[in-house]
Protein backbone atom coordinates (compact mmCIF):
# COMPACT_ATOMS: atom_id res chain seq x y z
CA MET A 1 -45.35 40.28 19.79
CA MET A 2 -47.30 37.42 18.25
CA THR A 3 -46.02 35.98 14.98
CA THR A 4 -46.16 32.81 12.88
CA ASP A 5 -45.72 29.44 14.56
CA LYS A 6 -43.40 28.30 11.72
CA TYR A 7 -39.91 28.41 13.19
CA GLY A 8 -38.19 28.42 9.79
CA CYS A 9 -40.08 31.55 8.72
CA ARG A 10 -39.39 33.36 12.00
CA ALA A 11 -35.70 32.46 11.93
CA LEU A 12 -35.40 33.53 8.29
CA ALA A 13 -36.74 37.03 8.99
CA GLY A 14 -34.78 37.39 12.24
CA ILE A 15 -31.44 36.21 10.87
CA LEU A 16 -31.73 38.34 7.72
CA HIS A 17 -32.40 41.39 9.89
CA GLY A 18 -29.53 40.39 12.20
CA HIS A 19 -27.21 40.52 9.17
CA GLY A 20 -28.31 44.06 8.34
CA VAL A 21 -31.13 43.43 5.86
CA GLU A 22 -33.54 46.31 6.44
CA TYR A 23 -35.90 46.13 3.47
CA ALA A 24 -38.11 43.48 1.93
CA VAL A 25 -40.81 43.40 -0.74
CA LEU A 26 -43.68 41.03 0.04
CA CYS A 27 -45.96 39.54 -2.60
CA PRO A 28 -49.49 38.46 -1.60
CA GLY A 29 -50.26 34.74 -1.57
CA SER A 30 -51.68 32.03 0.65
CA ARG A 31 -48.77 29.57 0.93
CA ASN A 32 -46.42 32.40 1.94
CA VAL A 33 -48.69 33.77 4.71
CA PRO A 34 -46.31 32.53 7.45
CA LEU A 35 -43.42 34.29 5.69
CA VAL A 36 -45.42 37.49 5.33
CA MET A 37 -46.30 37.36 9.05
CA ALA A 38 -42.66 36.79 10.04
CA PHE A 39 -41.25 39.57 7.86
CA ALA A 40 -43.98 42.12 8.54
CA ARG A 41 -43.70 41.62 12.32
CA GLU A 42 -39.90 41.63 12.49
CA GLN A 43 -39.02 44.86 14.33
CA GLY A 44 -36.80 47.19 12.31
CA LEU A 45 -37.49 45.49 8.97
CA LYS A 46 -39.34 47.77 6.52
CA CYS A 47 -41.68 45.93 4.20
CA ASP A 48 -43.49 47.08 1.06
CA THR A 49 -46.06 45.16 -0.96
CA ALA A 50 -46.21 44.53 -4.71
CA VAL A 51 -48.82 42.28 -6.29
CA ASP A 52 -46.85 41.36 -9.43
CA GLU A 53 -43.86 39.16 -8.55
CA ARG A 54 -41.84 40.30 -11.57
CA SER A 55 -42.30 43.92 -10.56
CA ALA A 56 -41.68 43.11 -6.88
CA ALA A 57 -38.29 41.56 -7.61
CA PHE A 58 -37.24 44.57 -9.69
CA ILE A 59 -38.41 46.93 -6.93
CA ALA A 60 -36.22 45.04 -4.46
CA LEU A 61 -33.37 45.14 -6.97
CA GLY A 62 -33.67 48.91 -7.41
CA HIS A 63 -33.61 49.44 -3.65
CA GLY A 64 -30.55 47.23 -3.29
CA ILE A 65 -28.65 48.99 -6.08
CA ALA A 66 -29.46 52.46 -4.75
CA ARG A 67 -28.37 51.62 -1.20
CA GLY A 68 -25.64 49.13 -2.03
CA CYS A 69 -27.06 46.57 0.38
CA ALA A 70 -28.75 43.19 0.62
CA VAL A 71 -32.54 43.16 0.20
CA ALA A 72 -35.20 40.46 0.29
CA VAL A 73 -38.20 39.64 -1.87
CA VAL A 74 -40.80 37.09 -0.74
CA CYS A 75 -43.28 35.21 -2.94
CA THR A 76 -45.76 32.37 -2.76
CA SER A 77 -45.48 28.99 -4.50
CA GLY A 78 -45.97 28.04 -8.15
CA THR A 79 -45.51 30.42 -11.06
CA ALA A 80 -44.77 33.30 -8.65
CA LEU A 81 -41.13 32.27 -8.45
CA LEU A 82 -40.83 31.96 -12.25
CA ASN A 83 -42.00 35.55 -12.60
CA MET A 84 -39.04 36.75 -10.56
CA ALA A 85 -36.42 35.29 -12.91
CA PRO A 86 -35.72 38.44 -15.01
CA ALA A 87 -34.87 40.53 -11.95
CA VAL A 88 -32.81 37.70 -10.43
CA ALA A 89 -30.80 37.46 -13.66
CA GLU A 90 -30.19 41.22 -13.58
CA ALA A 91 -29.08 40.95 -9.94
CA TYR A 92 -26.70 38.12 -10.84
CA TYR A 93 -24.99 40.07 -13.61
CA ARG A 94 -24.99 43.32 -11.60
CA ASN A 95 -23.62 41.63 -8.47
CA VAL A 96 -26.54 42.64 -6.25
CA PRO A 97 -27.13 40.58 -3.05
CA LEU A 98 -30.84 39.92 -3.63
CA ILE A 99 -32.31 37.37 -1.19
CA VAL A 100 -35.10 35.55 -3.02
CA VAL A 101 -37.45 33.74 -0.62
CA SER A 102 -40.14 31.43 -2.01
CA ALA A 103 -42.82 29.51 -0.18
CA ASP A 104 -43.35 25.93 -1.34
CA ARG A 105 -45.54 22.93 -0.69
CA PRO A 106 -43.98 20.10 1.33
CA GLY A 107 -41.88 17.84 -0.90
CA ARG A 108 -44.38 14.98 -0.69
CA TRP A 109 -46.92 17.08 -2.63
CA ILE A 110 -44.74 17.92 -5.62
CA ASP A 111 -46.09 16.44 -8.89
CA GLN A 112 -49.32 15.43 -7.15
CA ALA A 113 -51.68 17.78 -9.02
CA ASP A 114 -51.86 20.08 -6.01
CA SER A 115 -52.69 23.76 -6.49
CA GLN A 116 -49.88 26.23 -7.27
CA THR A 117 -47.23 23.53 -7.13
CA ILE A 118 -44.19 23.21 -9.41
CA ARG A 119 -40.63 21.92 -8.97
CA GLN A 120 -39.15 24.96 -7.19
CA ARG A 121 -35.98 23.50 -5.66
CA GLY A 122 -33.02 24.65 -7.74
CA LEU A 123 -35.29 26.49 -10.19
CA LEU A 124 -32.98 29.53 -10.32
CA ASP A 125 -29.67 27.67 -10.12
CA ASN A 126 -28.21 29.23 -13.29
CA ILE A 127 -28.75 32.81 -12.11
CA VAL A 128 -28.02 32.67 -8.38
CA LYS A 129 -24.83 32.12 -6.42
CA ARG A 130 -26.46 29.27 -4.49
CA SER A 131 -29.87 27.72 -3.80
CA TYR A 132 -31.09 26.53 -0.39
CA ASN A 133 -34.06 24.51 0.85
CA ILE A 134 -35.43 24.52 4.37
CA VAL A 135 -38.52 23.10 6.05
CA ALA A 136 -40.51 25.68 8.00
CA GLU A 137 -41.56 23.28 10.78
CA ALA A 138 -38.73 22.56 13.21
CA ASP A 139 -39.42 21.02 16.59
CA ALA A 140 -36.11 19.27 17.24
CA ASP A 141 -32.96 21.16 18.28
CA GLU A 142 -31.00 19.74 15.37
CA SER A 143 -33.68 20.92 12.89
CA ARG A 144 -33.41 24.43 14.33
CA TRP A 145 -29.63 24.27 14.15
CA PHE A 146 -29.87 23.29 10.47
CA ILE A 147 -32.24 26.17 9.66
CA ASP A 148 -30.12 28.72 11.52
CA ARG A 149 -26.91 27.54 9.85
CA THR A 150 -28.48 27.43 6.39
CA VAL A 151 -29.98 30.93 6.56
CA ASN A 152 -26.72 32.39 7.91
CA ASP A 153 -24.83 30.73 5.06
CA ALA A 154 -27.28 32.08 2.49
CA VAL A 155 -26.86 35.70 3.62
CA ILE A 156 -23.09 35.41 3.95
CA THR A 157 -22.88 33.86 0.47
CA ALA A 158 -24.93 36.72 -1.03
CA MET A 159 -22.71 39.38 0.54
CA SER A 160 -19.27 37.70 0.36
CA GLY A 161 -16.73 37.90 -2.46
CA ILE A 162 -18.54 38.78 -5.66
CA HIS A 163 -21.98 39.81 -4.40
CA GLY A 164 -25.01 38.19 -5.97
CA PRO A 165 -28.48 36.75 -5.44
CA VAL A 166 -29.34 33.60 -3.51
CA HIS A 167 -32.56 31.60 -3.42
CA ILE A 168 -34.09 30.21 -0.23
CA ASN A 169 -37.00 27.84 -0.81
CA VAL A 170 -39.17 27.22 2.25
CA GLU A 171 -41.42 24.16 2.46
CA ILE A 172 -44.47 25.13 4.50
CA ASP A 173 -47.21 22.77 5.68
CA SER A 174 -50.75 23.69 6.69
CA PRO A 175 -52.18 25.26 8.79
CA LEU A 176 -50.70 28.56 7.67
CA ASN A 177 -52.18 31.10 10.09
CA ARG A 178 -51.30 29.90 13.57
CA GLU A 179 -49.52 32.33 15.88
CA VAL A 180 -47.07 32.08 18.79
CA SER A 181 -45.08 34.54 20.86
CA GLY A 182 -42.12 35.83 18.87
CA GLU A 183 -39.89 36.59 21.84
CA GLU A 184 -36.75 34.67 20.88
CA SER A 185 -33.27 35.34 19.53
CA TYR A 186 -31.37 33.69 16.72
CA ARG A 187 -27.71 32.85 16.30
CA ILE A 188 -25.99 35.23 13.89
CA ILE A 189 -22.75 34.00 12.32
CA ARG A 190 -20.68 37.12 11.70
CA ARG A 191 -18.47 37.69 8.69
CA ALA A 192 -15.31 39.78 8.89
CA ALA A 193 -14.84 41.75 5.68
CA SER A 194 -11.34 42.00 4.27
CA ARG A 195 -9.72 44.39 1.81
CA MET A 196 -7.21 43.27 -0.79
CA SER A 197 -4.01 45.27 -1.11
CA LEU A 198 -1.03 45.22 -3.46
CA SER A 199 2.39 44.29 -2.19
CA ASP A 200 5.02 47.04 -2.24
CA GLU A 201 6.78 45.28 -5.09
CA ALA A 202 3.61 44.90 -7.19
CA ARG A 203 2.53 48.49 -6.50
CA ASN A 204 5.89 49.91 -7.60
CA GLU A 205 6.07 47.67 -10.67
CA ILE A 206 2.55 48.63 -11.83
CA SER A 207 3.19 52.35 -11.33
CA ARG A 208 6.46 52.17 -13.30
CA ARG A 209 4.74 50.34 -16.17
CA MET A 210 2.01 53.00 -16.27
CA LEU A 211 4.51 55.85 -16.21
CA ALA A 212 6.45 54.25 -19.07
CA CYS A 213 3.41 54.35 -21.40
CA ARG A 214 2.78 57.44 -23.50
CA LYS A 215 -0.98 56.76 -23.76
CA VAL A 216 -2.91 55.25 -20.86
CA LEU A 217 -6.71 55.17 -21.10
CA VAL A 218 -8.72 54.45 -17.94
CA LEU A 219 -12.21 53.44 -19.08
CA GLY A 220 -15.12 53.15 -16.64
CA GLY A 221 -18.29 51.12 -17.19
CA CYS A 222 -21.44 50.70 -15.11
CA MET A 223 -20.87 51.04 -11.34
CA ALA A 224 -22.01 52.87 -8.21
CA PRO A 225 -20.59 56.28 -7.22
CA ASN A 226 -17.46 56.05 -5.07
CA ASP A 227 -15.82 59.14 -3.61
CA ARG A 228 -12.63 57.28 -2.77
CA LEU A 229 -12.31 56.11 -6.38
CA ASN A 230 -12.81 59.68 -7.60
CA ARG A 231 -10.04 60.94 -5.33
CA GLY A 232 -7.65 58.32 -6.68
CA LEU A 233 -8.51 59.19 -10.28
CA ILE A 234 -8.09 62.93 -9.63
CA ARG A 235 -4.52 62.28 -8.52
CA LEU A 236 -3.94 60.09 -11.54
CA VAL A 237 -5.00 62.58 -14.22
CA GLY A 238 -2.18 64.88 -13.21
CA ASN A 239 0.00 62.68 -15.38
CA GLY A 240 -0.09 63.92 -18.97
CA ASN A 241 -0.04 60.41 -20.36
CA VAL A 242 -3.28 59.38 -18.59
CA ALA A 243 -6.82 60.00 -19.81
CA VAL A 244 -9.84 59.03 -17.71
CA ALA A 245 -12.98 58.42 -19.77
CA ALA A 246 -16.18 56.98 -18.38
CA GLU A 247 -19.71 56.42 -19.54
CA PRO A 248 -22.43 58.21 -17.57
CA LEU A 249 -23.43 54.95 -15.84
CA ALA A 250 -19.93 54.74 -14.35
CA ASN A 251 -20.91 57.64 -12.05
CA VAL A 252 -17.34 58.93 -12.13
CA SER A 253 -16.92 62.67 -11.58
CA VAL A 254 -13.42 62.81 -13.07
CA GLY A 255 -12.27 63.09 -16.68
CA ILE A 256 -14.26 62.65 -19.91
CA ARG A 257 -17.92 61.70 -19.51
CA ASN A 258 -19.02 61.82 -23.16
CA ILE A 259 -16.62 59.23 -24.57
CA GLU A 260 -18.85 58.07 -27.44
CA ALA A 261 -19.53 61.65 -28.53
CA ALA A 262 -15.83 62.50 -28.30
CA LEU A 263 -14.89 59.52 -30.48
CA CYS A 264 -17.62 60.16 -33.04
CA ARG A 265 -16.57 63.77 -33.46
CA ALA A 266 -12.81 63.17 -33.47
CA GLY A 267 -12.63 62.06 -37.10
CA LYS A 268 -10.70 59.05 -38.46
CA LEU A 269 -7.23 60.48 -37.81
CA GLY A 270 -8.23 61.68 -34.36
CA ARG A 271 -9.61 58.27 -33.37
CA GLU A 272 -6.42 56.58 -34.56
CA SER A 273 -4.27 58.90 -32.44
CA MET A 274 -6.47 58.27 -29.39
CA VAL A 275 -5.90 54.49 -29.36
CA PRO A 276 -4.13 53.76 -26.06
CA ASP A 277 -0.95 51.79 -25.50
CA LEU A 278 -2.41 50.60 -22.21
CA LEU A 279 -6.15 50.22 -21.57
CA ILE A 280 -7.30 49.95 -17.94
CA THR A 281 -10.97 49.09 -17.46
CA LEU A 282 -13.13 49.11 -14.34
CA GLY A 283 -16.80 48.63 -13.61
CA GLY A 284 -19.33 46.63 -15.58
CA ALA A 285 -20.77 46.71 -19.07
CA ILE A 286 -20.03 49.42 -21.64
CA VAL A 287 -23.18 50.68 -23.38
CA SER A 288 -21.62 52.25 -26.45
CA ASP A 289 -21.18 50.00 -29.47
CA THR A 290 -18.96 52.72 -30.94
CA VAL A 291 -16.48 52.43 -28.06
CA LYS A 292 -16.51 48.62 -28.11
CA ARG A 293 -15.98 48.46 -31.87
CA TRP A 294 -13.18 51.07 -31.75
CA LEU A 295 -11.20 49.11 -29.16
CA ARG A 296 -11.80 45.74 -30.81
CA GLU A 297 -10.59 47.07 -34.15
CA ASN A 298 -7.64 48.95 -32.60
CA ALA A 299 -6.40 46.61 -29.90
CA PRO A 300 -3.99 48.27 -27.43
CA ALA A 301 -0.76 46.48 -26.59
CA GLU A 302 -1.98 45.84 -23.05
CA HIS A 303 -5.40 45.68 -21.37
CA TRP A 304 -5.77 45.39 -17.59
CA HIS A 305 -9.15 44.91 -15.92
CA ILE A 306 -9.49 46.08 -12.33
CA GLY A 307 -12.26 44.49 -10.33
CA ARG A 308 -13.35 41.40 -8.47
CA THR A 309 -14.95 38.92 -10.86
CA ASP A 310 -15.68 35.21 -10.87
CA ASN A 311 -14.78 34.83 -14.54
CA THR A 312 -12.46 36.35 -17.10
CA VAL A 313 -14.28 39.11 -19.01
CA ASP A 314 -12.54 39.94 -22.28
CA THR A 315 -15.01 42.40 -23.84
CA PHE A 316 -12.49 44.03 -26.19
CA LYS A 317 -10.66 40.80 -27.12
CA CYS A 318 -7.28 42.11 -25.94
CA LEU A 319 -7.17 41.37 -22.17
CA THR A 320 -3.64 40.77 -20.88
CA GLU A 321 -4.00 41.06 -17.09
CA ARG A 322 -6.67 40.68 -14.39
CA ILE A 323 -6.17 42.58 -11.15
CA ASP A 324 -8.72 41.19 -8.72
CA MET A 325 -9.26 44.04 -6.28
CA GLU A 326 -11.72 46.85 -5.81
CA PRO A 327 -11.03 49.76 -8.21
CA ALA A 328 -11.15 52.32 -5.38
CA ASP A 329 -8.42 50.42 -3.50
CA PHE A 330 -6.30 49.93 -6.63
CA PHE A 331 -6.32 53.54 -7.79
CA ALA A 332 -5.84 54.91 -4.28
CA GLU A 333 -2.63 52.90 -4.00
CA ILE A 334 -1.37 53.36 -7.56
CA SER A 335 -1.99 57.11 -7.76
CA VAL A 336 0.10 57.63 -4.62
CA ALA A 337 2.85 55.31 -5.86
CA MET A 338 3.03 57.16 -9.19
CA ARG A 339 3.38 60.47 -7.40
CA ARG A 340 6.24 59.06 -5.36
CA GLU A 341 8.18 58.53 -8.59
CA GLU A 342 8.36 62.33 -8.71
CA ILE A 343 8.02 62.39 -12.48
CA TYR A 344 5.08 62.60 -14.80
CA GLY A 345 4.40 59.69 -17.08
CA GLY A 346 4.96 59.68 -20.80
CA GLU A 347 7.49 62.46 -21.18
CA GLY A 348 6.06 65.05 -23.52
CA SER A 349 2.74 63.20 -23.80
CA ASP A 350 -0.45 65.24 -24.07
CA TYR A 351 -2.73 62.20 -24.26
CA GLY A 352 -4.99 63.39 -21.45
CA ALA A 353 -5.20 66.88 -22.98
CA SER A 354 -6.11 65.45 -26.41
CA TRP A 355 -9.08 63.64 -24.90
CA ALA A 356 -10.17 66.82 -23.13
CA ARG A 357 -10.05 68.73 -26.44
CA ALA A 358 -12.06 66.00 -28.17
CA SER A 359 -14.67 66.14 -25.41
CA ASP A 360 -14.99 69.94 -25.56
CA ASN A 361 -15.28 69.84 -29.34
CA ALA A 362 -17.99 67.18 -29.13
CA TYR A 363 -20.06 69.28 -26.71
CA MET A 364 -19.72 72.33 -28.95
CA MET A 365 -20.73 70.45 -32.09
CA LEU A 366 -23.58 68.73 -30.26
CA ASP A 367 -25.03 72.11 -29.29
CA GLN A 368 -24.86 73.18 -32.92
CA GLU A 369 -26.53 69.98 -34.14
CA LYS A 370 -29.34 70.22 -31.62
CA ALA A 371 -29.99 73.83 -32.56
CA LYS A 372 -30.17 72.79 -36.22
CA ALA A 373 -32.39 69.77 -35.55
CA GLY A 374 -34.94 71.61 -33.41
CA TRP A 375 -37.51 69.60 -31.46
CA CYS A 376 -36.57 65.93 -31.07
CA GLU A 377 -36.00 63.49 -28.22
CA ILE A 378 -32.33 64.17 -27.61
CA SER A 379 -32.90 67.96 -27.59
CA ALA A 380 -35.79 67.51 -25.14
CA LEU A 381 -33.77 65.22 -22.91
CA ASP A 382 -30.87 67.66 -22.88
CA GLU A 383 -33.19 70.38 -21.57
CA ILE A 384 -34.80 68.08 -18.99
CA VAL A 385 -31.42 67.04 -17.56
CA LYS A 386 -30.45 70.72 -17.21
CA MET A 387 -33.63 71.35 -15.19
CA LEU A 388 -33.13 68.53 -12.66
CA PRO A 389 -32.02 69.32 -9.11
CA PRO A 390 -28.28 68.67 -8.56
CA ASP A 391 -29.03 65.89 -6.08
CA ALA A 392 -31.46 64.01 -8.39
CA ASN A 393 -30.83 60.35 -9.20
CA VAL A 394 -31.64 59.27 -12.75
CA GLN A 395 -32.90 55.83 -13.76
CA LEU A 396 -32.71 55.07 -17.48
CA SER A 397 -34.59 52.40 -19.39
CA ASN A 398 -32.79 50.31 -21.96
CA GLY A 399 -33.20 51.18 -25.61
CA MET A 400 -32.66 54.73 -26.83
CA THR A 401 -32.85 56.64 -23.53
CA VAL A 402 -29.62 55.20 -22.11
CA ARG A 403 -27.92 56.00 -25.43
CA TYR A 404 -29.27 59.54 -25.48
CA TYR A 405 -27.92 60.17 -22.00
CA GLU A 406 -24.36 59.73 -23.24
CA TRP A 407 -24.83 62.75 -25.48
CA VAL A 408 -26.63 65.26 -23.26
CA SER A 409 -25.19 68.31 -21.55
CA ARG A 410 -22.08 68.48 -19.41
CA ARG A 411 -24.31 68.67 -16.38
CA ARG A 412 -25.08 65.26 -14.97
CA ALA A 413 -27.40 63.98 -12.30
CA HIS A 414 -26.15 63.01 -8.86
CA ARG A 415 -26.26 59.38 -9.99
CA ALA A 416 -27.33 57.49 -13.12
CA ASP A 417 -28.40 53.84 -13.26
CA CYS A 418 -29.79 51.40 -15.81
CA ASN A 419 -30.42 47.66 -15.84
CA ARG A 420 -27.32 46.85 -17.90
CA GLY A 421 -26.62 43.44 -16.35
CA VAL A 422 -28.71 41.73 -19.03
CA SER A 423 -30.02 44.96 -20.63
CA GLY A 424 -33.70 44.01 -20.60
CA ILE A 425 -36.51 46.54 -20.87
CA ASP A 426 -38.86 44.51 -18.71
CA GLY A 427 -38.38 46.03 -15.25
CA SER A 428 -37.19 49.60 -15.74
CA THR A 429 -40.14 51.27 -14.01
CA SER A 430 -40.14 48.81 -11.09
CA THR A 431 -36.39 49.25 -10.58
CA ALA A 432 -36.81 53.04 -10.49
CA ILE A 433 -39.64 52.79 -7.94
CA GLY A 434 -37.43 50.56 -5.80
CA ALA A 435 -34.57 53.07 -6.08
CA ALA A 436 -36.97 55.84 -4.95
CA THR A 437 -37.68 53.90 -1.74
CA ALA A 438 -33.97 53.99 -0.90
CA TYR A 439 -33.15 57.63 -1.66
CA SER A 440 -34.31 60.70 0.21
CA GLY A 441 -33.96 62.98 -2.82
CA MET A 442 -35.70 62.91 -6.19
CA THR A 443 -35.55 59.80 -8.39
CA VAL A 444 -36.27 60.44 -12.08
CA LEU A 445 -37.07 57.60 -14.47
CA ILE A 446 -36.45 58.40 -18.14
CA THR A 447 -38.05 55.68 -20.24
CA GLY A 448 -39.25 54.94 -23.73
CA ASP A 449 -42.93 54.23 -24.29
CA MET A 450 -42.28 50.57 -25.19
CA SER A 451 -40.37 50.04 -21.92
CA ALA A 452 -43.07 51.87 -20.01
CA GLN A 453 -45.77 49.68 -21.60
CA TYR A 454 -43.82 46.53 -20.76
CA ASP A 455 -43.70 47.37 -17.05
CA ILE A 456 -46.95 49.33 -16.78
CA GLY A 457 -48.17 47.17 -13.90
CA ALA A 458 -45.40 48.63 -11.74
CA LEU A 459 -47.39 51.87 -11.51
CA ALA A 460 -49.89 50.05 -9.30
CA SER A 461 -47.15 49.80 -6.67
CA LEU A 462 -46.86 53.59 -6.50
CA ARG A 463 -50.00 53.77 -4.43
CA LEU A 464 -48.85 50.95 -2.15
CA ILE A 465 -45.28 52.17 -1.72
CA ASN A 466 -46.20 55.86 -2.00
CA PRO A 467 -42.95 57.73 -2.70
CA LYS A 468 -45.12 60.81 -3.51
CA GLY A 469 -43.15 63.69 -4.99
CA LYS A 470 -39.85 61.78 -4.78
CA PHE A 471 -40.67 59.78 -7.93
CA LYS A 472 -40.76 61.49 -11.32
CA MET A 473 -41.21 59.77 -14.66
CA VAL A 474 -40.42 60.91 -18.21
CA VAL A 475 -42.01 58.92 -21.05
CA MET A 476 -40.41 59.50 -24.46
CA ALA A 477 -43.55 58.91 -26.53
CA ASN A 478 -42.57 58.23 -30.14
CA GLY A 479 -44.89 55.31 -30.83
CA GLY A 480 -42.68 52.57 -29.41
CA GLY A 481 -39.60 50.63 -30.49
CA ASN A 482 -37.61 53.52 -31.95
CA ILE A 483 -34.35 51.69 -31.24
CA PHE A 484 -35.09 49.32 -34.11
CA LYS A 485 -34.91 52.27 -36.49
CA TYR A 486 -31.55 53.21 -35.02
CA VAL A 487 -29.47 50.04 -34.51
CA LYS A 488 -27.65 48.69 -37.58
CA ASN A 489 -29.01 45.13 -37.42
CA THR A 490 -32.67 46.14 -37.81
CA ARG A 491 -32.53 49.53 -39.50
CA GLY A 492 -34.05 49.34 -42.97
CA LEU A 493 -35.34 45.77 -42.74
CA ALA A 494 -38.69 45.12 -44.42
CA GLU A 495 -39.98 43.57 -41.19
CA THR A 496 -39.02 46.44 -38.91
CA GLU A 497 -42.15 48.53 -39.40
CA ASP A 498 -44.68 45.69 -39.05
CA TYR A 499 -43.03 43.39 -36.53
CA LEU A 500 -40.38 45.26 -34.54
CA TYR A 501 -41.30 48.92 -34.37
CA ASN A 502 -44.62 48.10 -32.68
CA SER A 503 -46.13 51.57 -33.02
CA VAL A 504 -48.84 52.22 -30.42
CA ASP A 505 -50.32 55.63 -29.67
CA THR A 506 -50.88 55.21 -25.93
CA ASP A 507 -53.03 57.66 -24.01
CA TRP A 508 -50.45 58.28 -21.31
CA ASN A 509 -52.55 61.00 -19.74
CA SER A 510 -55.25 58.45 -18.91
CA VAL A 511 -52.71 55.81 -17.85
CA GLY A 512 -50.96 58.12 -15.42
CA LYS A 513 -54.15 59.42 -13.87
CA ALA A 514 -55.50 55.86 -13.50
CA TYR A 515 -52.58 55.18 -11.16
CA GLY A 516 -52.87 58.44 -9.23
CA MET A 517 -50.09 60.35 -10.98
CA ALA A 518 -50.04 63.98 -12.05
CA VAL A 519 -49.52 64.02 -15.83
CA PHE A 520 -48.02 66.73 -18.05
CA GLU A 521 -47.33 66.67 -21.79
CA ALA A 522 -44.86 68.50 -24.02
CA SER A 523 -44.66 68.51 -27.80
CA ASP A 524 -42.25 71.43 -28.38
CA MET A 525 -39.65 73.47 -26.50
CA GLU A 526 -42.13 76.09 -25.37
CA SER A 527 -44.53 73.58 -23.81
CA LEU A 528 -41.60 71.64 -22.33
CA GLY A 529 -40.43 74.71 -20.43
CA LYS A 530 -43.89 75.31 -18.97
CA GLN A 531 -44.84 71.73 -18.23
CA ALA A 532 -41.47 70.62 -16.84
CA ASP A 533 -41.65 73.28 -14.12
CA ARG A 534 -45.08 72.00 -13.06
CA TRP A 535 -43.88 68.38 -13.29
CA LEU A 536 -40.86 69.04 -11.06
CA GLY A 537 -42.97 71.11 -8.66
CA THR A 538 -45.50 68.35 -7.95
CA ASN A 539 -44.82 67.27 -4.37
CA ASP A 540 -48.03 65.60 -3.19
CA ARG A 541 -47.85 62.62 -5.57
CA SER A 542 -45.75 61.01 -8.27
CA ALA A 543 -45.66 62.84 -11.60
CA MET A 544 -45.30 61.85 -15.26
CA LEU A 545 -43.97 64.05 -18.09
CA VAL A 546 -44.89 62.79 -21.56
CA VAL A 547 -42.57 64.02 -24.33
CA ARG A 548 -44.13 63.55 -27.78
CA SER A 549 -41.94 63.58 -30.89
CA ASP A 550 -41.52 62.12 -34.36
CA ALA A 551 -39.85 58.69 -34.42
CA GLU A 552 -38.30 59.04 -37.87
CA LYS A 553 -36.72 62.37 -37.00
CA ASN A 554 -35.41 61.06 -33.68
CA ALA A 555 -33.61 58.17 -35.39
CA ARG A 556 -32.25 60.41 -38.13
CA VAL A 557 -30.83 62.98 -35.71
CA MET A 558 -29.11 60.32 -33.59
CA LEU A 559 -27.65 58.60 -36.63
CA ASP A 560 -26.27 61.92 -37.86
CA LEU A 561 -24.65 62.53 -34.48
CA VAL A 562 -23.05 59.09 -34.26
CA ASN A 563 -21.90 59.13 -37.89
CA GLY A 564 -20.42 62.58 -37.56
CA LYS A 565 -22.60 64.24 -40.22
């Protein structure tokens, strides 16, 4: 097969694929034509196209998160690379091995008033694990050795230890469209993965310390589903002194999955009795401000964090121990060790049962509140979640939707994700589209109208990527910016209405149809039931469900729920 004559571009595509990279998003440009040729013609590498570099990087991110693998995104020179920064930052704080490849002018042309030329080397240094620079032209053996070694190092760095993005900047000289035979192989430097394990002494000591506590709370934050972790936690909850509570984004199938609701409905005395002696955290960020405030104000005697991190994360200001190993490995070992003690922890403790009662009570009271409130966003979302197929994956935008999801029905989607690395609203739609490319089942984006407006250009990629009926979108249309009427710092400010709320009555029907989507609207429970069936049943193209509601009522209902009224 014929491909680009630029060795550095060919080697980059070939070595990435040799390390198991199977997906790349390519952005149109002229300087990156050799890179596009190399990636598009690399056998076994699937490539999609996205015009907007910001959207493209989020699409790659979504694919990487959904599959748990390294992915590549390729752009041209100049401002193209700058546009990728938000997604790269999210990848950095979500530990996603995103391979960012940028074309560049030769170094001699930097700062020479040449077209689409900026200082690209090291541009993303603060939000990548490492930056690299290679020259595409390589005639000498030593130049080829340098390129091969550098690209191998970049991929290994992205996928070793704490995963994260890397940036490879490629200096490419004209001409850009020459072709040669691509029949060659590249040296792949293999990496042997290792698994950390506790010593027998450490394992026994940790299990004894856990058994000695009357109240042990295992709290899960944002992470990917893990069956092995679930099995370890199932064994653990047999101890009466252990409660497992996780936010929906933790994707844990064990224990309490409505922790904020349970706390809000427990009352002051209940919340005081639920403060753990030992807090064990795993996963990433916690969404709920209620949970974070409760633990900061009621610091447990001990706090262990389980997970591999490059820095010490002390979210609740009470960290006493870091255990740097994968949570699935830790709980698999500890749950077995605790069973070997042949006793249950916390003699007479019903800590786990008290959390279960609080959770059940919260669900019961939530049903009553929703029935009293009638039509509003959280009631609509509760019904939508109940309608989804059991194998659906849910993508949530930041703002109110991710907060609503904590409160909805006991029934959860197969998987829930949200860009909680840096919690931006800028790439929610693109990330969901990328996730849809990686999953054979249905991917459902639930987004606010402000988030949808912010990333509206992503819808253009639907026609290029074409997930058809696999991609569904829910737009919570309340005028935009409803979170500012909910969060304490902005609620009631004189400037909120004019400068933060940003009310816009978007014609989502026209927007969706302009991008080839089937569009359905609901403004009450009756229309939701009818339209949601049609929305879910659309298989020949992507579909949008627009849920219209009153912003003031939405904020009021949510505040009443959180405040326990």
